[in-house]
C-alpha atoms as a PDB file:
ATOM      1  CA  MET A   1     -33.355  51.585 -29.602  1.00  0.00           C
ATOM      2  CA  SER A   2     -30.456  53.518 -30.841  1.00  0.00           C
ATOM      3  CA  LYS A   3     -28.316  52.749 -34.054  1.00  0.00           C
ATOM      4  CA  LYS A   4     -25.250  52.245 -31.998  1.00  0.00           C
ATOM      5  CA  ALA A   5     -27.142  49.524 -29.472  1.00  0.00           C
ATOM      6  CA  ALA A   6     -28.743  47.484 -32.831  1.00  0.00           C
ATOM      7  CA  GLU A   7     -25.349  47.244 -34.255  1.00  0.00           C
ATOM      8  CA  HIS A   8     -23.865  45.905 -31.022  1.00  0.00           C
ATOM      9  CA  HIS A   9     -27.226  43.422 -31.339  1.00  0.00           C
ATOM     10  CA  ARG A  10     -26.404  42.836 -35.499  1.00  0.00           C
ATOM     11  CA  LYS A  11     -22.792  41.586 -34.364  1.00  0.00           C
ATOM     12  CA  ALA A  12     -23.503  39.635 -31.453  1.00  0.00           C
ATOM     13  CA  SER A  13     -26.084  37.709 -33.856  1.00  0.00           C
ATOM     14  CA  GLU A  14     -24.004  37.359 -37.107  1.00  0.00           C
ATOM     15  CA  HIS A  15     -20.994  36.066 -34.137  1.00  0.00           C
ATOM     16  CA  HIS A  16     -23.582  33.080 -32.798  1.00  0.00           C
ATOM     17  CA  THR A  17     -23.766  31.973 -35.942  1.00  0.00           C
ATOM     18  CA  HIS A  18     -20.490  32.017 -36.838  1.00  0.00           C
ATOM     19  CA  ALA A  19     -20.382  30.394 -33.467  1.00  0.00           C
ATOM     20  CA  ALA A  20     -22.757  27.822 -34.651  1.00  0.00           C
ATOM     21  CA  ARG A  21     -21.133  27.617 -38.200  1.00  0.00           C
ATOM     22  CA  HIS A  22     -17.658  26.421 -35.925  1.00  0.00           C
ATOM     23  CA  HIS A  23     -19.933  23.915 -34.140  1.00  0.00           C
ATOM     24  CA  GLY A  24     -21.337  21.875 -37.209  1.00  0.00           C
ATOM     25  CA  GLU A  25     -17.682  21.683 -38.480  1.00  0.00           C
ATOM     26  CA  ALA A  26     -15.834  20.414 -35.334  1.00  0.00           C
ATOM     27  CA  ALA A  27     -18.752  17.657 -35.270  1.00  0.00           C
ATOM     28  CA  LYS A  28     -17.672  17.219 -38.719  1.00  0.00           C
ATOM     29  CA  HIS A  29     -14.500  16.970 -38.007  1.00  0.00           C
ATOM     30  CA  HIS A  30     -14.985  15.162 -35.394  1.00  0.00           C
ATOM     31  CA  ASP A  31     -17.206  11.939 -36.589  1.00  0.00           C
ATOM     32  CA  SER A  32     -14.089  12.109 -39.195  1.00  0.00           C
ATOM     33  CA  GLY A  33     -11.798  10.954 -36.425  1.00  0.00           C
ATOM     34  CA  GLN A  34      -9.984  14.209 -37.527  1.00  0.00           C
ATOM     35  CA  HIS A  35      -9.628  15.662 -34.120  1.00  0.00           C
ATOM     36  CA  GLU A  36      -7.121  18.632 -34.766  1.00  0.00           C
ATOM     37  CA  LYS A  37     -10.424  19.240 -36.396  1.00  0.00           C
ATOM     38  CA  ALA A  38     -12.600  19.372 -34.576  1.00  0.00           C
ATOM     39  CA  ALA A  39     -10.820  21.147 -31.454  1.00  0.00           C
ATOM     40  CA  HIS A  40      -9.714  24.116 -33.557  1.00  0.00           C
ATOM     41  CA  HIS A  41     -13.579  25.034 -34.504  1.00  0.00           C
ATOM     42  CA  ALA A  42     -14.676  24.333 -32.047  1.00  0.00           C
ATOM     43  CA  HIS A  43     -11.709  26.424 -29.933  1.00  0.00           C
ATOM     44  CA  THR A  44     -13.020  28.847 -32.652  1.00  0.00           C
ATOM     45  CA  ALA A  45     -16.649  28.727 -32.099  1.00  0.00           C
ATOM     46  CA  GLY A  46     -15.141  29.211 -28.396  1.00  0.00           C
ATOM     47  CA  GLY A  47     -14.006  33.165 -29.703  1.00  0.00           C
ATOM     48  CA  HIS A  48     -17.541  33.917 -31.297  1.00  0.00           C
ATOM     49  CA  ALA A  49     -19.484  33.268 -28.602  1.00  0.00           C
ATOM     50  CA  ILE A  50     -16.960  35.377 -26.629  1.00  0.00           C
ATOM     51  CA  HIS A  51     -16.991  38.327 -29.161  1.00  0.00           C
ATOM     52  CA  ALA A  52     -21.224  37.691 -28.711  1.00  0.00           C
ATOM     53  CA  ARG A  53     -21.421  38.594 -25.467  1.00  0.00           C
ATOM     54  CA  ASP A  54     -19.059  41.466 -25.292  1.00  0.00           C
ATOM     55  CA  HIS A  55     -20.991  42.731 -28.690  1.00  0.00           C
ATOM     56  CA  ALA A  56     -24.498  41.449 -26.491  1.00  0.00           C
ATOM     57  CA  GLU A  57     -23.582  43.439 -22.725  1.00  0.00           C
ATOM     58  CA  GLU A  58     -21.918  46.742 -25.243  1.00  0.00           C
ATOM     59  CA  ALA A  59     -25.771  46.486 -26.317  1.00  0.00           C
ATOM     60  CA  ARG A  60     -27.328  46.161 -22.765  1.00  0.00           C
ATOM     61  CA  LYS A  61     -24.759  49.366 -22.432  1.00  0.00           C
ATOM     62  CA  ALA A  62     -26.064  51.100 -24.872  1.00  0.00           C
ATOM     63  CA  HIS A  63     -29.878  50.878 -25.002  1.00  0.00           C
ATOM     64  CA  THR A  64     -29.169  52.253 -21.025  1.00  0.00           C
ATOM     65  CA  GLU A  65     -26.923  54.843 -22.033  1.00  0.00           C
ATOM     66  CA  GLU A  66     -30.112  55.934 -24.112  1.00  0.00           C
ATOM     67  CA  HIS A  67     -32.604  55.081 -21.808  1.00  0.00           C
ATOM     68  CA  GLY A  68     -31.673  55.173 -17.830  1.00  0.00           C
ATOM     69  CA  LYS A  69     -31.849  52.562 -15.327  1.00  0.00           C
ATOM     70  CA  LYS A  70     -35.746  51.733 -14.853  1.00  0.00           C
END
């Protein structure tokens, strides 16, 4: 795998990890009735999920550039 693809995979993984943490925080705040904080964390989690998806797509592109389409 190219270094470029590997780096995008790492970044996607990191964003998924951050998204999971924010979803956990959102759940905690929702349970305690702090709905504004819950919404903030849920929104932030969504942003991380989008970044993760984008990095995964870039990893696929880098892999295709290096190895060609099959």
